[in-house]
Amino acid sequence: MIRKSAIAAILLLPTLSNAATVLSNPPELNNKSYILMDYETGQILAAKNENEKLAPASMTKMMTSYIIEQKLLKGELTETEKVRMNESAWCRGSSAESCMYVDLNKTASVLEMLRGIIVQSGNDASKAMAEHISGNEGAFAYMMNQEAKRIGMTNTNFINSTGMPAEGHYSTAKDMALLAKHIIHDSSKYYPIYSEKEYTYNNIKQGNRNALLYTDPSVDGLKTGHTNEAGFCVTTSAKRGPIRLISVVFGAPTIQQRATQTRELLAWGFSNFETINVHPAKQVLANAKVWFGDTDEVKVGLAESFNVTMPKGQGNAIKTQISVQPNLNAPLKQGQVIGKLTATLDGKVIAEKSLVALNEVEEAGFFSRLIDHIKLFFSNLF
C-alpha cells in the first residue's frame, strides 16, 4: 500500500459524463442485519448493522466449502478421494438437522461431499470433511479462522464447520459478503455447484434451500442458514448484464421473508446502480521518472480494466487521481505495482486500483548509475 507521504506524482484524469439521476432510498427490511455489495469493486451499496456480530447458522458452510475448493485447486485434495463417515460426523438418520445421509463407516468422494455441503447443507458432510482434512473439527475451525483472517474477515470467529449454535461462533453481513466474493472469484471452477437446484445421494433427493434459484434466473448462489438463534439467513449472488451484486440477510423472521427481502435488495441495487469502465487495461495513463535505469521513464497503467459501480447517471461526477511512488529505482519488472488509481464521487473514495509498470526497465551501467546518484543527491538538497 502506498502511504500518503510516499506519493510522488498526482494527476487528475478527465471525468466521465452522464446526466444525473436521483438515487432512491434502499428498502427498509425487518431483519437483524443486511448488506448489498458490488462484486467487482467491493463497494457497499446499502447496509444495516453490517458489522454486528451474529450467528451465521449454515452460512458458516461457505467457509467449509471454500477451504475444500481451494485444496482441490491446489492439488491437496482430489475430487475422487474417498472420505469416511465416522460416528462423530454421522447424522444417525436424524431429521433434526440438515444432512447428506452418508451411511456410518461408508465413504463418499470429496466432490460428492462438496455437493452435500453446498446443495444439501449437510452437517454430516461438513464434519466428515473437517475430520478428513484436519483430524478433528476443532483443528479445522482453527484453519477456518486463519483463512478468514487472510481474506479480511475481521469480525468473524468459527467454532465449528457447520454453523450449529456454539458460544463464540459469529460473523457479520460484511464478512459473509467478502467470503462470497472470494468464493466466486477464487473458486470459479466449483462455483456452478452453488446454483444447482437439487442433489441426490444415497437415493435421497434434496432441493437447494435457496428459493431464489427457482424464481430468479440471475441468481446463481450461494448459501442459506437457519437456527432458532440466528433466524433465517441467506447469502446471495446475482448477475444481470455486466453487474454482479452480493446480498446478505441475517435474522429474517420467516423463510418467506428471507427470500422476499433478498429480492427487494437486489431489485433496488440493479435499478439504481450501473457499472462504468473508468479506464481500460494496458492504456498509458502517465510516464514516471525512473532512476538508475537504461531509460529515464516507465509507462504507468492498469493491469486490468478499472470498473466502478455507481448510482445511475452520476458518471459525470466521477474524478480519478493517479498516485505514483516517488524515487522509482531500476530494475522494474513489467506488471510491478508502482502506484494506485483512485476514483472519487462527491469527494468520497469509491474505488481504487493498483497501477503497474507497463514496460520493463533494466538497470543501467555503472557510470550511468553513478551520474543518477549525483543527480539524486543534489535534487534532495532542494
Protein backbone atom coordinates (compact mmCIF):
# COMPACT_ATOMS: atom_id res chain seq x y z
CA MET A 1 0.00 0.00 0.00
CA ILE A 2 1.28 3.49 -0.84
CA ARG A 3 1.48 5.89 2.09
CA LYS A 4 0.41 9.49 1.51
CA SER A 5 3.94 10.61 2.36
CA ALA A 6 5.28 8.40 -0.43
CA ILE A 7 3.24 9.90 -3.26
CA ALA A 8 5.47 11.44 -5.91
CA ALA A 9 3.03 12.34 -8.66
CA ILE A 10 -0.66 13.17 -8.54
CA LEU A 11 -2.54 13.59 -11.77
CA LEU A 12 -6.22 14.35 -12.22
CA LEU A 13 -7.71 12.49 -15.16
CA PRO A 14 -10.82 13.51 -17.14
CA THR A 15 -14.17 12.69 -15.61
CA LEU A 16 -16.95 10.73 -17.27
CA SER A 17 -20.17 12.42 -18.37
CA ASN A 18 -23.77 11.36 -17.93
CA ALA A 19 -26.98 13.05 -16.87
CA ALA A 20 -27.51 12.93 -13.11
CA THR A 21 -30.37 10.95 -11.64
CA VAL A 22 -31.81 10.77 -8.15
CA LEU A 23 -30.93 7.68 -6.13
CA SER A 24 -33.91 6.15 -4.32
CA ASN A 25 -33.65 5.07 -0.69
CA PRO A 26 -32.78 1.42 -0.05
CA PRO A 27 -35.63 -0.78 1.22
CA GLU A 28 -36.42 -0.88 4.94
CA LEU A 29 -36.13 -4.54 5.96
CA ASN A 30 -37.29 -6.34 9.08
CA ASN A 31 -34.13 -8.26 9.92
CA LYS A 32 -31.11 -8.10 12.21
CA SER A 33 -28.59 -7.09 9.58
CA TYR A 34 -28.06 -6.87 5.84
CA ILE A 35 -25.63 -5.71 3.19
CA LEU A 36 -25.68 -5.19 -0.55
CA MET A 37 -22.21 -5.23 -2.12
CA ASP A 38 -20.95 -4.80 -5.65
CA TYR A 39 -18.93 -7.89 -6.50
CA GLU A 40 -16.28 -6.36 -8.74
CA THR A 41 -15.30 -3.37 -6.61
CA GLY A 42 -16.40 -4.49 -3.15
CA GLN A 43 -18.36 -1.23 -2.80
CA ILE A 44 -21.12 -1.33 -0.19
CA LEU A 45 -24.27 -0.05 -1.86
CA ALA A 46 -26.62 -0.41 1.12
CA ALA A 47 -26.29 -1.81 4.62
CA LYS A 48 -27.80 -2.10 8.09
CA ASN A 49 -25.76 -3.27 11.09
CA GLU A 50 -23.31 -4.81 8.62
CA ASN A 51 -20.57 -5.15 11.27
CA GLU A 52 -22.78 -6.59 14.02
CA LYS A 53 -21.56 -9.99 15.19
CA LEU A 54 -24.35 -12.52 14.74
CA ALA A 55 -24.84 -16.26 14.50
CA PRO A 56 -24.40 -17.17 10.80
CA ALA A 57 -26.05 -20.62 11.01
CA SER A 58 -25.33 -22.75 7.92
CA MET A 59 -23.82 -19.82 6.02
CA THR A 60 -20.78 -20.99 8.01
CA LYS A 61 -20.52 -23.82 5.47
CA MET A 62 -19.40 -21.29 2.87
CA MET A 63 -16.02 -21.23 4.60
CA THR A 64 -16.01 -25.03 4.87
CA SER A 65 -16.70 -25.38 1.14
CA TYR A 66 -14.23 -22.60 0.27
CA ILE A 67 -11.39 -24.39 2.05
CA ILE A 68 -12.27 -27.67 0.29
CA GLU A 69 -12.38 -25.90 -3.09
CA GLN A 70 -9.03 -24.23 -2.57
CA LYS A 71 -7.42 -27.53 -1.54
CA LEU A 72 -8.82 -29.16 -4.66
CA LEU A 73 -7.44 -26.39 -6.84
CA LYS A 74 -4.02 -26.67 -5.18
CA GLY A 75 -3.95 -30.45 -5.59
CA GLU A 76 -4.05 -31.07 -1.83
CA LEU A 77 -7.32 -32.98 -2.34
CA THR A 78 -8.67 -34.83 -5.38
CA GLU A 79 -12.29 -34.96 -6.48
CA THR A 80 -12.41 -38.77 -6.34
CA GLU A 81 -10.61 -39.08 -2.98
CA LYS A 82 -12.70 -41.11 -0.54
CA VAL A 83 -13.86 -39.58 2.75
CA ARG A 84 -15.04 -41.80 5.60
CA MET A 85 -18.18 -41.04 7.60
CA ASN A 86 -17.11 -41.56 11.20
CA GLU A 87 -19.57 -41.85 14.07
CA SER A 88 -18.58 -38.36 15.27
CA ALA A 89 -19.88 -36.89 11.99
CA TRP A 90 -22.74 -39.30 11.25
CA CYS A 91 -26.30 -37.96 11.30
CA ARG A 92 -27.85 -41.22 12.65
CA GLY A 93 -30.79 -40.81 10.28
CA SER A 94 -31.98 -37.76 12.22
CA SER A 95 -34.26 -35.15 10.69
CA ALA A 96 -33.40 -32.64 13.41
CA GLU A 97 -30.58 -31.18 11.31
CA SER A 98 -29.74 -30.94 7.63
CA CYS A 99 -27.82 -34.00 6.44
CA MET A 100 -26.36 -35.58 3.33
CA TYR A 101 -27.11 -39.01 4.84
CA VAL A 102 -23.87 -40.86 4.15
CA ASP A 103 -24.10 -44.19 5.99
CA LEU A 104 -21.95 -44.82 9.05
CA ASN A 105 -18.43 -46.06 8.20
CA LYS A 106 -19.15 -45.70 4.47
CA THR A 107 -17.27 -43.34 2.19
CA ALA A 108 -18.16 -40.66 -0.32
CA SER A 109 -15.84 -38.80 -2.67
CA VAL A 110 -14.63 -35.28 -1.93
CA LEU A 111 -16.72 -33.93 -4.82
CA GLU A 112 -19.82 -35.74 -3.53
CA MET A 113 -19.20 -34.34 -0.05
CA LEU A 114 -18.76 -30.86 -1.52
CA ARG A 115 -22.16 -31.09 -3.20
CA GLY A 116 -23.63 -32.45 0.01
CA ILE A 117 -22.35 -29.38 1.84
CA ILE A 118 -23.36 -26.76 -0.70
CA VAL A 119 -26.64 -28.08 -2.09
CA GLN A 120 -27.96 -30.24 0.77
CA SER A 121 -26.35 -28.22 3.59
CA GLY A 122 -25.19 -31.49 5.13
CA ASN A 123 -23.84 -31.17 8.65
CA ASP A 124 -22.54 -34.73 8.37
CA ALA A 125 -20.64 -33.93 5.17
CA SER A 126 -19.18 -30.76 6.71
CA LYS A 127 -17.93 -32.58 9.80
CA ALA A 128 -16.62 -35.55 7.81
CA MET A 129 -14.59 -33.22 5.56
CA ALA A 130 -13.32 -31.28 8.57
CA GLU A 131 -12.07 -34.53 10.12
CA HIS A 132 -10.63 -35.72 6.82
CA ILE A 133 -8.63 -32.50 6.33
CA SER A 134 -7.60 -31.64 9.88
CA GLY A 135 -8.15 -34.76 12.00
CA ASN A 136 -10.93 -33.20 14.08
CA GLU A 137 -13.44 -30.39 13.81
CA GLY A 138 -11.69 -28.15 16.32
CA ALA A 139 -8.47 -28.16 14.31
CA PHE A 140 -10.47 -27.45 11.16
CA ALA A 141 -12.17 -24.50 12.86
CA TYR A 142 -8.71 -23.08 13.57
CA MET A 143 -7.97 -23.39 9.84
CA MET A 144 -11.27 -21.65 9.07
CA ASN A 145 -10.33 -18.73 11.29
CA GLN A 146 -6.87 -18.44 9.75
CA GLU A 147 -8.43 -18.34 6.31
CA ALA A 148 -10.97 -15.76 7.49
CA LYS A 149 -8.14 -13.50 8.67
CA ARG A 150 -6.25 -13.96 5.42
CA ILE A 151 -9.13 -12.69 3.29
CA GLY A 152 -10.01 -9.83 5.64
CA MET A 153 -12.99 -11.17 7.62
CA THR A 154 -12.17 -9.07 10.69
CA ASN A 155 -15.32 -9.72 12.74
CA THR A 156 -15.70 -13.47 12.37
CA ASN A 157 -14.90 -16.43 14.63
CA PHE A 158 -15.75 -20.03 13.82
CA ILE A 159 -16.11 -22.76 16.43
CA ASN A 160 -17.32 -25.49 14.08
CA SER A 161 -17.68 -26.34 10.38
CA THR A 162 -21.49 -26.42 10.28
CA GLY A 163 -22.89 -23.29 11.93
CA MET A 164 -24.65 -25.21 14.68
CA PRO A 165 -25.12 -22.90 17.72
CA ALA A 166 -21.95 -22.51 19.77
CA GLU A 167 -20.73 -19.80 22.13
CA GLY A 168 -18.25 -17.55 20.36
CA HIS A 169 -19.34 -18.63 16.87
CA TYR A 170 -20.23 -15.47 14.92
CA SER A 171 -19.80 -13.48 11.75
CA THR A 172 -21.20 -10.33 10.13
CA ALA A 173 -23.06 -9.43 6.97
CA LYS A 174 -19.99 -7.62 5.65
CA ASP A 175 -17.68 -10.56 6.33
CA MET A 176 -20.07 -13.03 4.69
CA ALA A 177 -20.29 -10.82 1.59
CA LEU A 178 -16.50 -10.73 1.46
CA LEU A 179 -16.34 -14.53 1.74
CA ALA A 180 -18.88 -14.84 -1.09
CA LYS A 181 -16.74 -12.53 -3.22
CA HIS A 182 -13.73 -14.81 -2.71
CA ILE A 183 -15.70 -17.97 -3.46
CA ILE A 184 -16.97 -16.54 -6.75
CA HIS A 185 -13.52 -15.31 -7.77
CA ASP A 186 -11.12 -17.86 -6.28
CA SER A 187 -13.26 -20.98 -6.70
CA SER A 188 -14.73 -20.23 -10.12
CA LYS A 189 -14.26 -23.86 -11.22
CA TYR A 190 -16.59 -25.07 -8.46
CA TYR A 191 -18.86 -22.04 -8.18
CA PRO A 192 -21.54 -23.52 -10.52
CA ILE A 193 -22.33 -26.06 -7.77
CA TYR A 194 -23.85 -23.21 -5.74
CA SER A 195 -26.57 -22.81 -8.38
CA GLU A 196 -27.56 -26.49 -8.51
CA LYS A 197 -31.20 -26.80 -7.53
CA GLU A 198 -31.07 -30.37 -6.22
CA TYR A 199 -28.71 -33.21 -5.43
CA THR A 200 -29.41 -36.90 -4.92
CA TYR A 201 -27.17 -39.04 -2.74
CA ASN A 202 -27.90 -42.45 -1.23
CA ASN A 203 -31.20 -42.40 -3.18
CA ILE A 204 -32.30 -39.33 -1.21
CA LYS A 205 -33.05 -36.28 -3.38
CA GLN A 206 -32.89 -32.92 -1.66
CA GLY A 207 -33.58 -29.49 -3.09
CA ASN A 208 -31.40 -26.44 -2.61
CA ARG A 209 -32.86 -24.31 0.18
CA ASN A 210 -32.17 -21.07 -1.71
CA ALA A 211 -35.66 -20.28 -3.05
CA LEU A 212 -34.36 -17.56 -5.37
CA LEU A 213 -32.61 -20.14 -7.54
CA TYR A 214 -36.06 -21.29 -8.65
CA THR A 215 -37.59 -17.87 -9.28
CA ASP A 216 -34.80 -15.52 -10.41
CA PRO A 217 -32.59 -16.65 -13.33
CA SER A 218 -29.98 -14.03 -12.44
CA VAL A 219 -29.33 -15.68 -9.03
CA ASP A 220 -26.56 -18.31 -9.08
CA GLY A 221 -25.71 -18.88 -5.38
CA LEU A 222 -24.71 -19.02 -2.57
CA LYS A 223 -26.00 -20.37 0.81
CA THR A 224 -28.90 -20.23 3.25
CA GLY A 225 -28.88 -20.75 7.01
CA HIS A 226 -31.32 -21.12 9.86
CA THR A 227 -31.30 -21.80 13.59
CA ASN A 228 -33.61 -20.53 16.30
CA GLU A 229 -30.84 -18.19 17.46
CA ALA A 230 -29.86 -16.91 14.01
CA GLY A 231 -33.28 -16.67 12.41
CA PHE A 232 -33.46 -17.07 8.63
CA CYS A 233 -30.29 -16.05 6.82
CA VAL A 234 -29.02 -16.13 3.26
CA THR A 235 -26.05 -15.01 1.21
CA THR A 236 -26.99 -14.48 -2.43
CA SER A 237 -25.25 -13.52 -5.64
CA ALA A 238 -26.98 -12.35 -8.81
CA LYS A 239 -25.58 -11.18 -12.16
CA ARG A 240 -27.51 -9.03 -14.62
CA GLY A 241 -25.56 -7.78 -17.60
CA PRO A 242 -22.13 -6.56 -16.51
CA ILE A 243 -23.13 -6.13 -12.85
CA ARG A 244 -22.91 -8.80 -10.16
CA LEU A 245 -24.32 -7.97 -6.74
CA ILE A 246 -23.91 -9.87 -3.47
CA SER A 247 -26.55 -9.57 -0.76
CA VAL A 248 -26.53 -10.96 2.77
CA VAL A 249 -29.52 -11.10 5.10
CA PHE A 250 -29.21 -12.03 8.77
CA GLY A 251 -32.17 -12.80 11.00
CA ALA A 252 -35.24 -12.52 8.78
CA PRO A 253 -38.36 -13.62 10.72
CA THR A 254 -39.54 -16.29 8.24
CA ILE A 255 -38.25 -18.37 5.35
CA GLN A 256 -40.51 -16.40 3.01
CA GLN A 257 -39.21 -13.07 4.29
CA ARG A 258 -35.65 -14.24 3.76
CA ALA A 259 -36.34 -14.63 0.05
CA THR A 260 -38.57 -11.56 -0.26
CA GLN A 261 -36.05 -9.27 1.42
CA THR A 262 -33.27 -10.52 -0.82
CA ARG A 263 -35.41 -9.87 -3.90
CA GLU A 264 -36.06 -6.32 -2.70
CA LEU A 265 -32.37 -5.66 -2.11
CA LEU A 266 -31.33 -6.99 -5.49
CA ALA A 267 -34.12 -5.16 -7.31
CA TRP A 268 -33.12 -1.89 -5.64
CA GLY A 269 -29.45 -2.39 -6.45
CA PHE A 270 -29.93 -3.27 -10.10
CA SER A 271 -32.44 -0.44 -10.58
CA ASN A 272 -30.26 2.25 -9.07
CA PHE A 273 -26.67 1.35 -9.97
CA GLU A 274 -24.61 0.72 -13.07
CA THR A 275 -21.04 -0.34 -13.76
CA ILE A 276 -18.90 2.01 -15.86
CA ASN A 277 -15.44 1.40 -17.26
CA VAL A 278 -13.33 4.26 -15.95
CA HIS A 279 -10.13 3.26 -17.74
CA PRO A 280 -9.21 0.22 -19.82
CA ALA A 281 -6.27 -2.08 -19.15
CA LYS A 282 -2.81 -1.52 -20.67
CA GLN A 283 -3.52 2.11 -21.58
CA VAL A 284 -0.68 4.51 -20.78
CA LEU A 285 -2.01 6.90 -18.12
CA ALA A 286 1.28 8.56 -17.21
CA ASN A 287 5.04 8.39 -17.59
CA ALA A 288 7.04 8.26 -14.35
CA LYS A 289 10.66 9.16 -13.69
CA VAL A 290 12.97 6.16 -13.09
CA TRP A 291 16.43 6.36 -11.52
CA PHE A 292 19.39 4.10 -12.35
CA GLY A 293 17.69 2.59 -15.41
CA ASP A 294 18.58 2.12 -19.05
CA THR A 295 15.72 4.52 -19.73
CA ASP A 296 14.62 7.56 -17.74
CA GLU A 297 10.88 6.82 -17.71
CA VAL A 298 8.43 3.99 -17.26
CA LYS A 299 4.92 3.82 -18.71
CA VAL A 300 2.24 3.66 -16.00
CA GLY A 301 -1.14 2.00 -16.46
CA LEU A 302 -3.58 -0.65 -15.28
CA ALA A 303 -3.02 -4.41 -15.46
CA GLU A 304 -6.79 -4.90 -15.75
CA SER A 305 -9.74 -2.67 -16.56
CA PHE A 306 -10.88 -0.28 -13.85
CA ASN A 307 -14.66 -0.58 -13.49
CA VAL A 308 -16.68 1.38 -10.95
CA THR A 309 -20.25 0.78 -9.84
CA MET A 310 -22.15 3.96 -9.07
CA PRO A 311 -25.64 5.45 -8.97
CA LYS A 312 -27.04 5.53 -12.49
CA GLY A 313 -26.36 8.74 -14.35
CA GLN A 314 -23.70 10.07 -11.98
CA GLY A 315 -20.70 9.26 -14.15
CA ASN A 316 -20.18 12.98 -14.76
CA ALA A 317 -19.29 13.40 -11.08
CA ILE A 318 -16.51 10.79 -11.02
CA LYS A 319 -12.97 12.09 -10.65
CA THR A 320 -9.88 9.91 -10.94
CA GLN A 321 -6.46 10.52 -9.48
CA ILE A 322 -3.12 8.86 -10.17
CA SER A 323 -0.60 8.44 -7.34
CA VAL A 324 2.86 7.15 -8.28
CA GLN A 325 5.57 6.10 -5.84
CA PRO A 326 8.49 8.55 -5.60
CA ASN A 327 12.10 7.67 -6.44
CA LEU A 328 11.35 4.66 -8.60
CA ASN A 329 14.60 2.75 -8.97
CA ALA A 330 15.53 0.29 -11.71
CA PRO A 331 15.27 -2.55 -12.27
CA LEU A 332 11.48 -2.54 -12.69
CA LYS A 333 9.55 -5.57 -13.91
CA GLN A 334 6.61 -5.29 -16.26
CA GLY A 335 3.46 -5.57 -14.12
CA GLN A 336 5.20 -4.38 -10.95
CA VAL A 337 2.92 -2.28 -8.75
CA ILE A 338 4.19 1.29 -8.63
CA GLY A 339 1.12 3.33 -7.66
CA LYS A 340 -2.65 3.46 -7.48
CA LEU A 341 -5.59 4.96 -9.32
CA THR A 342 -8.36 6.33 -7.11
CA ALA A 343 -11.92 7.09 -8.16
CA THR A 344 -13.94 9.56 -6.10
CA LEU A 345 -17.58 10.62 -6.17
CA ASP A 346 -18.54 13.85 -4.40
CA GLY A 347 -15.16 13.82 -2.66
CA LYS A 348 -15.59 10.28 -1.32
CA VAL A 349 -13.32 7.44 -2.44
CA ILE A 350 -15.48 4.77 -4.09
CA ALA A 351 -12.82 2.52 -5.64
CA GLU A 352 -9.06 2.07 -6.00
CA LYS A 353 -6.93 0.03 -8.39
CA SER A 354 -3.22 -0.70 -8.45
CA LEU A 355 -1.12 0.95 -11.15
CA VAL A 356 1.69 -1.07 -12.69
CA ALA A 357 4.72 -0.63 -14.87
CA LEU A 358 3.61 -1.35 -18.44
CA ASN A 359 7.17 -1.97 -19.58
CA GLU A 360 10.32 -3.40 -18.06
CA VAL A 361 13.19 -1.09 -17.13
CA GLU A 362 16.63 -2.68 -16.93
CA GLU A 363 19.32 -1.43 -14.61
CA ALA A 364 21.78 0.94 -16.29
CA GLY A 365 25.55 0.52 -16.42
CA PHE A 366 27.89 1.64 -13.65
CA PHE A 367 28.65 5.14 -14.94
CA SER A 368 25.03 5.94 -15.74
CA ARG A 369 24.02 4.84 -12.23
CA LEU A 370 26.81 6.98 -10.75
CA ILE A 371 25.52 10.04 -12.61
CA ASP A 372 21.99 9.36 -11.33
CA HIS A 373 23.29 9.04 -7.77
CA ILE A 374 24.86 12.50 -8.09
CA LYS A 375 21.68 13.98 -9.60
CA LEU A 376 19.53 12.39 -6.91
CA PHE A 377 21.81 13.70 -4.15
CA PHE A 378 21.54 17.28 -5.35
CA SER A 379 17.80 17.03 -6.05
CA ASN A 380 17.26 16.04 -2.41
CA LEU A 381 19.04 19.16 -1.22
CA PHE A 382 16.35 21.40 -2.67
